[in-house]
């Protein structure tokens, strides 16, 4: 099996991809600055798989570091997860998002080009579509991001598009999705962000676990069935399975650039997620909550049409909202020793 560089391989999605790739027999190099991840996660994956994973702590904007990685390791492909990912934070700190997400990706691609590694899976985001004109979103929907995070992802996509146009021997798969959650069924790895979490699931976990006082729901006056935002949640294990299938697809496609939406094909509101979480975790009382104003950069309702990935990659999301809640709660309890 080929040697794969996983950028951001210690993070939530990246760690599950690292686990899946290791289980699949790949030799791995993980690059992560661990600004929002823990090195212990890689050690856990090594114990789970019995495989040593070369782990390099550093910033993907460091071009000398990247040159050393590609010189010292015989890499065949890159799975690119590294980046900043909080919508509200991107509105407050746009320069950081463009520097890390765009600048870091360009540095990575330059290193790949210099070392003749031309196969990459780019973990993008469905935020590149912005406020949808119609739902569900398809790969042909207009691209008009409404926040710096989404714009930074689109800019990387445009770089990849131009790179493939300049050299059709590249093989690139861009994957767009929303709101991954859940955890590996072992409960040994999962979403455990450093600091105050930005995503709904880790907030639910911390409120249920008594680490946070209450859940803030941002906006209850959207034009949705219950007034709260509707999102396309996807189990991280399903999401990673699509990345693995996309990697295999690059070996047989004649297209230099392929784009796939990933998702369950329908949305769930914030309140629906909260209710499912309460039921899945056996709570007898509702989680304490506070309705707060809408956050800048958020859309009312978004979900994707994943039929292209269903057809081309032979991939389909298999886990539902309850699975996401049960698996995430299992990881949380085990990580806290409960």
Protein backbone atom coordinates (compact mmCIF):
# COMPACT_ATOMS: atom_id res chain seq x y z
CA UNK A 1 0.00 0.00 0.00
CA UNK A 2 1.17 3.53 -0.73
CA UNK A 3 2.75 5.97 1.70
CA UNK A 4 0.30 8.77 2.54
CA UNK A 5 0.89 12.19 4.08
CA UNK A 6 -2.07 13.19 6.27
CA UNK A 7 -2.07 16.88 7.09
CA UNK A 8 -4.05 17.66 10.22
CA UNK A 9 -3.94 13.95 11.01
CA UNK A 10 -4.28 14.53 14.74
CA UNK A 11 -7.55 16.46 14.47
CA UNK A 12 -11.09 15.15 14.61
CA UNK A 13 -11.60 14.12 10.98
CA UNK A 14 -7.89 13.67 10.31
CA UNK A 15 -7.43 11.22 13.18
CA UNK A 16 -10.30 9.04 11.96
CA UNK A 17 -8.78 9.10 8.48
CA UNK A 18 -5.40 8.18 9.95
CA UNK A 19 -7.01 5.26 11.76
CA UNK A 20 -8.82 4.06 8.63
CA UNK A 21 -5.72 4.36 6.46
CA UNK A 22 -3.60 2.51 9.02
CA UNK A 23 -6.20 -0.23 9.25
CA UNK A 24 -6.04 -0.43 5.46
CA UNK A 25 -2.32 -1.12 5.50
CA UNK A 26 -0.97 2.27 4.42
CA UNK A 27 2.30 3.63 5.78
CA UNK A 28 1.56 7.10 7.14
CA UNK A 29 3.21 10.40 7.84
CA UNK A 30 1.10 12.78 9.91
CA UNK A 31 1.81 16.52 9.89
CA UNK A 32 -0.03 18.55 12.52
CA UNK A 33 0.80 21.63 14.58
CA UNK A 34 -1.59 20.34 17.29
CA UNK A 35 -3.15 23.77 17.80
CA UNK A 36 -6.53 22.05 18.14
CA UNK A 37 -5.53 18.41 18.63
CA UNK A 38 -3.57 16.19 20.99
CA UNK A 39 -0.45 14.16 20.12
CA UNK A 40 -1.78 11.40 22.39
CA UNK A 41 -4.44 10.70 19.75
CA UNK A 42 -1.77 9.40 17.37
CA UNK A 43 -0.36 7.18 20.12
CA UNK A 44 -3.85 5.78 20.64
CA UNK A 45 -4.17 4.97 16.94
CA UNK A 46 -0.79 3.22 17.02
CA UNK A 47 -2.02 1.04 19.89
CA UNK A 48 -5.29 0.31 18.08
CA UNK A 49 -3.57 -0.74 14.85
CA UNK A 50 -0.19 -1.99 16.00
CA UNK A 51 1.37 0.26 13.38
CA UNK A 52 3.98 2.96 13.90
CA UNK A 53 2.90 6.31 12.49
CA UNK A 54 5.55 8.90 11.69
CA UNK A 55 4.31 12.08 13.35
CA UNK A 56 5.79 15.49 12.62
CA UNK A 57 4.79 18.52 14.67
CA UNK A 58 4.90 21.63 12.54
CA UNK A 59 3.12 24.22 10.44
CA UNK A 60 2.28 23.42 6.83
CA UNK A 61 3.28 26.98 5.91
CA UNK A 62 6.87 26.03 6.76
CA UNK A 63 8.23 25.33 3.27
CA UNK A 64 11.56 23.97 4.50
CA UNK A 65 9.76 21.52 6.77
CA UNK A 66 7.58 20.39 3.86
CA UNK A 67 10.65 19.96 1.64
CA UNK A 68 12.27 17.80 4.32
CA UNK A 69 9.14 15.66 4.68
CA UNK A 70 8.90 14.99 0.96
CA UNK A 71 12.65 14.39 0.69
CA UNK A 72 12.82 11.97 3.62
CA UNK A 73 9.64 9.97 2.95
CA UNK A 74 8.60 8.22 -0.23
CA UNK A 75 5.09 9.62 -0.47
CA UNK A 76 2.55 8.69 -3.11
CA UNK A 77 -0.41 10.84 -2.11
CA UNK A 78 -1.65 13.48 0.33
CA UNK A 79 -4.87 13.61 2.32
CA UNK A 80 -5.25 17.27 3.25
CA UNK A 81 -7.30 18.12 6.37
CA UNK A 82 -5.11 20.77 8.05
CA UNK A 83 -6.68 24.18 8.51
CA UNK A 84 -8.78 26.46 10.66
CA UNK A 85 -12.49 25.69 10.54
CA UNK A 86 -14.75 27.87 12.74
CA UNK A 87 -17.13 30.12 10.80
CA UNK A 88 -17.62 32.76 13.51
CA UNK A 89 -13.88 32.86 14.25
CA UNK A 90 -13.16 33.35 10.56
CA UNK A 91 -15.38 36.44 10.53
CA UNK A 92 -13.40 37.89 13.47
CA UNK A 93 -9.96 36.75 12.26
CA UNK A 94 -10.02 36.57 8.44
CA UNK A 95 -6.27 37.10 7.99
CA UNK A 96 -5.51 33.98 10.03
CA UNK A 97 -7.89 31.93 7.90
CA UNK A 98 -6.43 33.07 4.59
CA UNK A 99 -2.88 32.65 5.86
CA UNK A 100 -3.38 29.12 7.20
CA UNK A 101 -5.97 27.66 4.86
CA UNK A 102 -4.87 29.26 1.59
CA UNK A 103 -1.20 30.00 2.24
CA UNK A 104 -0.62 26.62 3.87
CA UNK A 105 -2.31 24.77 1.02
CA UNK A 106 -0.24 26.60 -1.58
CA UNK A 107 2.96 25.74 0.30
CA UNK A 108 1.85 22.11 0.45
CA UNK A 109 1.04 21.98 -3.27
CA UNK A 110 4.36 23.59 -4.15
CA UNK A 111 6.19 20.93 -2.15
CA UNK A 112 4.15 18.22 -3.87
CA UNK A 113 4.95 19.64 -7.29
CA UNK A 114 8.67 19.93 -6.50
CA UNK A 115 8.79 16.28 -5.44
CA UNK A 116 6.53 14.92 -8.20
CA UNK A 117 3.70 13.84 -5.90
CA UNK A 118 0.54 14.71 -7.82
CA UNK A 119 -2.25 12.90 -6.01
CA UNK A 120 -4.25 14.74 -3.33
CA UNK A 121 -7.60 14.47 -1.55
CA UNK A 122 -8.65 17.95 -0.47
CA UNK A 123 -11.10 17.95 2.43
CA UNK A 124 -13.03 21.08 1.49
CA UNK A 125 -16.38 22.29 2.81
CA UNK A 126 -19.91 22.75 1.53
CA UNK A 127 -19.70 26.30 2.95
CA UNK A 128 -18.26 27.17 -0.48
CA UNK A 129 -21.87 27.30 -1.70
CA UNK A 130 -22.89 30.07 0.69
CA UNK A 131 -26.58 30.83 1.16
CA UNK A 132 -28.30 28.30 -1.12
CA UNK A 133 -30.62 29.47 -3.85
CA UNK A 134 -32.27 26.05 -3.82
CA UNK A 135 -31.88 22.80 -1.91
CA UNK A 136 -30.36 20.32 -1.94
CA UNK A 137 -26.98 21.61 -3.05
CA UNK A 138 -25.38 19.84 -6.00
CA UNK A 139 -21.85 20.07 -7.33
CA UNK A 140 -23.19 22.47 -9.97
CA UNK A 141 -24.80 24.86 -7.46
CA UNK A 142 -23.40 28.43 -7.49
CA UNK A 143 -20.31 28.99 -5.37
CA UNK A 144 -20.77 32.11 -3.26
CA UNK A 145 -19.41 31.69 0.28
CA UNK A 146 -20.71 34.16 2.86
CA UNK A 147 -17.86 33.95 5.39
CA UNK A 148 -14.05 33.96 5.27
CA UNK A 149 -13.85 30.28 6.19
CA UNK A 150 -15.93 29.25 3.17
CA UNK A 151 -14.07 31.72 0.97
CA UNK A 152 -10.71 30.31 2.06
CA UNK A 153 -11.86 26.81 1.08
CA UNK A 154 -13.10 28.05 -2.29
CA UNK A 155 -9.81 29.81 -2.92
CA UNK A 156 -7.94 26.54 -2.37
CA UNK A 157 -10.37 24.80 -4.73
CA UNK A 158 -9.64 27.45 -7.36
CA UNK A 159 -5.90 26.96 -6.91
CA UNK A 160 -6.38 23.22 -7.45
CA UNK A 161 -8.54 23.85 -10.52
CA UNK A 162 -5.87 26.07 -12.09
CA UNK A 163 -3.11 23.65 -11.13
CA UNK A 164 -4.92 20.78 -12.88
CA UNK A 165 -5.51 22.97 -15.94
CA UNK A 166 -1.79 23.71 -16.13
CA UNK A 167 -0.80 20.05 -15.69
CA UNK A 168 -3.45 17.39 -16.39
CA UNK A 169 -1.28 14.65 -14.87
CA UNK A 170 -2.44 15.76 -11.43
CA UNK A 171 -5.16 13.68 -9.78
CA UNK A 172 -7.23 15.72 -7.35
CA UNK A 173 -10.47 14.95 -5.51
CA UNK A 174 -12.23 17.76 -3.69
CA UNK A 175 -14.80 16.70 -1.09
CA UNK A 176 -17.46 19.11 0.18
CA UNK A 177 -19.51 18.44 3.30
CA UNK A 178 -21.04 19.96 6.42
CA UNK A 179 -21.01 19.17 10.14
CA UNK A 180 -19.17 15.91 10.81
CA UNK A 181 -19.81 14.37 14.23
CA UNK A 182 -19.84 11.03 16.01
CA UNK A 183 -16.74 8.95 16.80
CA UNK A 184 -15.11 5.61 16.12
CA UNK A 185 -17.21 2.80 17.63
CA UNK A 186 -14.31 1.83 19.90
CA UNK A 187 -14.79 5.06 21.83
CA UNK A 188 -11.01 5.52 21.84
CA UNK A 189 -10.84 8.51 19.50
CA UNK A 190 -13.36 11.25 18.85
CA UNK A 191 -13.92 14.98 18.81
CA UNK A 192 -12.12 16.65 21.70
CA UNK A 193 -11.29 20.25 20.73
CA UNK A 194 -8.94 22.31 22.84
CA UNK A 195 -10.51 25.36 24.47
CA UNK A 196 -14.14 26.35 24.00
CA UNK A 197 -15.71 24.25 21.20
CA UNK A 198 -17.40 25.87 18.22
CA UNK A 199 -19.40 22.92 16.89
CA UNK A 200 -22.73 21.69 18.23
CA UNK A 201 -21.83 18.11 19.17
CA UNK A 202 -18.82 18.84 21.42
CA UNK A 203 -20.88 21.55 23.12
CA UNK A 204 -23.69 19.06 23.74
CA UNK A 205 -21.16 16.65 25.22
CA UNK A 206 -19.68 19.23 27.56
CA UNK A 207 -23.09 20.47 28.72
CA UNK A 208 -24.29 16.90 29.31
CA UNK A 209 -21.02 16.14 31.13
CA UNK A 210 -21.29 19.20 33.36
CA UNK A 211 -18.27 20.98 31.88
CA UNK A 212 -20.39 23.77 30.42
CA UNK A 213 -23.37 25.36 32.11
CA UNK A 214 -25.75 25.51 29.17
CA UNK A 215 -26.13 25.15 25.43
CA UNK A 216 -26.42 28.36 23.46
CA UNK A 217 -28.59 28.03 20.37
CA UNK A 218 -27.72 30.77 17.91
CA UNK A 219 -30.91 31.90 16.25
CA UNK A 220 -34.46 30.62 16.69
CA UNK A 221 -36.08 32.90 14.13
CA UNK A 222 -34.87 31.32 10.90
CA UNK A 223 -37.37 30.35 8.22
CA UNK A 224 -37.22 26.68 9.22
CA UNK A 225 -39.79 24.32 10.78
CA UNK A 226 -38.72 25.10 14.38
CA UNK A 227 -36.86 28.36 13.81
CA UNK A 228 -33.38 26.93 14.39
CA UNK A 229 -30.73 26.35 11.75
CA UNK A 230 -30.96 23.18 9.66
CA UNK A 231 -27.70 21.39 8.87
CA UNK A 232 -26.52 18.27 7.05
CA UNK A 233 -24.84 16.27 9.83
CA UNK A 234 -22.66 13.34 8.77
CA UNK A 235 -21.01 10.64 10.86
CA UNK A 236 -17.23 11.02 10.80
CA UNK A 237 -16.80 7.31 10.01
CA UNK A 238 -19.01 7.68 6.91
CA UNK A 239 -17.12 10.83 5.96
CA UNK A 240 -13.73 9.13 6.21
CA UNK A 241 -14.98 6.15 4.22
CA UNK A 242 -15.73 8.55 1.37
CA UNK A 243 -12.19 9.96 1.58
CA UNK A 244 -10.75 6.44 1.35
CA UNK A 245 -12.94 5.62 -1.65
CA UNK A 246 -11.93 8.90 -3.31
CA UNK A 247 -8.26 8.02 -2.83
CA UNK A 248 -8.79 4.70 -4.60
CA UNK A 249 -10.78 6.45 -7.32
CA UNK A 250 -7.81 8.66 -8.21
CA UNK A 251 -5.91 5.55 -9.31
CA UNK A 252 -8.43 4.75 -12.03
CA UNK A 253 -9.95 8.04 -13.16
CA UNK A 254 -8.73 9.86 -16.25
CA UNK A 255 -9.99 13.18 -14.88
CA UNK A 256 -7.41 15.43 -13.26
CA UNK A 257 -10.00 17.08 -10.99
CA UNK A 258 -13.09 15.48 -9.40
CA UNK A 259 -15.55 17.15 -7.02
CA UNK A 260 -17.97 15.33 -4.72
CA UNK A 261 -20.60 16.44 -2.25
CA UNK A 262 -20.88 14.25 0.84
CA UNK A 263 -23.83 14.09 3.20
CA UNK A 264 -26.94 12.25 4.25
CA UNK A 265 -29.11 14.01 1.69
CA UNK A 266 -31.34 15.81 4.18
CA UNK A 267 -30.99 18.27 7.03
CA UNK A 268 -31.73 18.24 10.74
CA UNK A 269 -32.42 21.31 12.87
CA UNK A 270 -30.40 22.21 15.93
CA UNK A 271 -33.37 21.42 18.18
CA UNK A 272 -33.83 18.07 16.42
CA UNK A 273 -30.18 17.24 17.11
CA UNK A 274 -30.56 18.26 20.76
CA UNK A 275 -33.67 16.09 21.19
CA UNK A 276 -31.99 13.10 19.53
CA UNK A 277 -28.94 13.55 21.74
CA UNK A 278 -31.08 13.64 24.89
CA UNK A 279 -32.90 10.47 23.84
CA UNK A 280 -29.76 8.64 22.69
CA UNK A 281 -27.93 9.36 25.94
CA UNK A 282 -30.88 8.40 28.17
CA UNK A 283 -31.36 11.81 29.76
CA UNK A 284 -34.47 12.23 31.88
CA UNK A 285 -34.37 16.02 31.79
CA UNK A 286 -33.73 18.42 28.91
CA UNK A 287 -30.28 19.96 28.58
CA UNK A 288 -30.17 23.53 29.90
CA UNK A 289 -30.21 25.90 26.96
CA UNK A 290 -30.23 29.57 26.09
CA UNK A 291 -31.49 31.11 22.89
CA UNK A 292 -28.96 33.58 21.53
CA UNK A 293 -28.87 35.86 18.46
CA UNK A 294 -27.82 34.49 15.11
CA UNK A 295 -24.08 34.26 14.48
CA UNK A 296 -22.62 36.23 11.57
CA UNK A 297 -21.90 34.07 8.55
CA UNK A 298 -24.49 31.37 9.31
CA UNK A 299 -27.18 30.22 6.86
CA UNK A 300 -30.75 29.21 7.72
CA UNK A 301 -30.74 25.77 6.10
CA UNK A 302 -28.18 23.83 4.09
CA UNK A 303 -27.79 20.25 2.98
CA UNK A 304 -26.23 18.49 0.03
CA UNK A 305 -27.19 16.07 -2.70
CA UNK A 306 -24.59 13.29 -2.51
CA UNK A 307 -25.90 11.27 -5.45
CA UNK A 308 -22.75 11.92 -7.52
CA UNK A 309 -20.60 10.32 -4.78
CA UNK A 310 -23.19 7.54 -4.46
CA UNK A 311 -22.83 6.75 -8.17
CA UNK A 312 -19.14 7.36 -8.89
CA UNK A 313 -17.50 6.39 -5.60
CA UNK A 314 -20.08 3.75 -4.68
CA UNK A 315 -20.37 5.54 -1.33
CA UNK A 316 -23.43 6.24 0.76
CA UNK A 317 -23.81 7.51 4.32
CA UNK A 318 -24.94 4.57 6.46
CA UNK A 319 -25.21 6.08 9.95
CA UNK A 320 -28.01 8.24 11.29
CA UNK A 321 -28.33 11.04 13.83
CA UNK A 322 -28.80 8.62 16.73
CA UNK A 323 -25.60 6.75 15.76
CA UNK A 324 -23.70 10.05 15.78
CA UNK A 325 -24.98 10.89 19.27
CA UNK A 326 -24.42 7.42 20.76
CA UNK A 327 -20.87 7.14 19.39
CA UNK A 328 -19.89 10.66 20.41
CA UNK A 329 -21.26 10.14 23.94
CA UNK A 330 -19.41 6.83 24.26
CA UNK A 331 -16.13 8.53 23.36
CA UNK A 332 -16.80 11.38 25.77
CA UNK A 333 -17.55 9.08 28.68
CA UNK A 334 -14.50 6.91 28.03
CA UNK A 335 -12.24 9.93 27.65
CA UNK A 336 -13.42 11.21 31.05
CA UNK A 337 -13.08 7.78 32.65
CA UNK A 338 -16.82 7.44 33.28
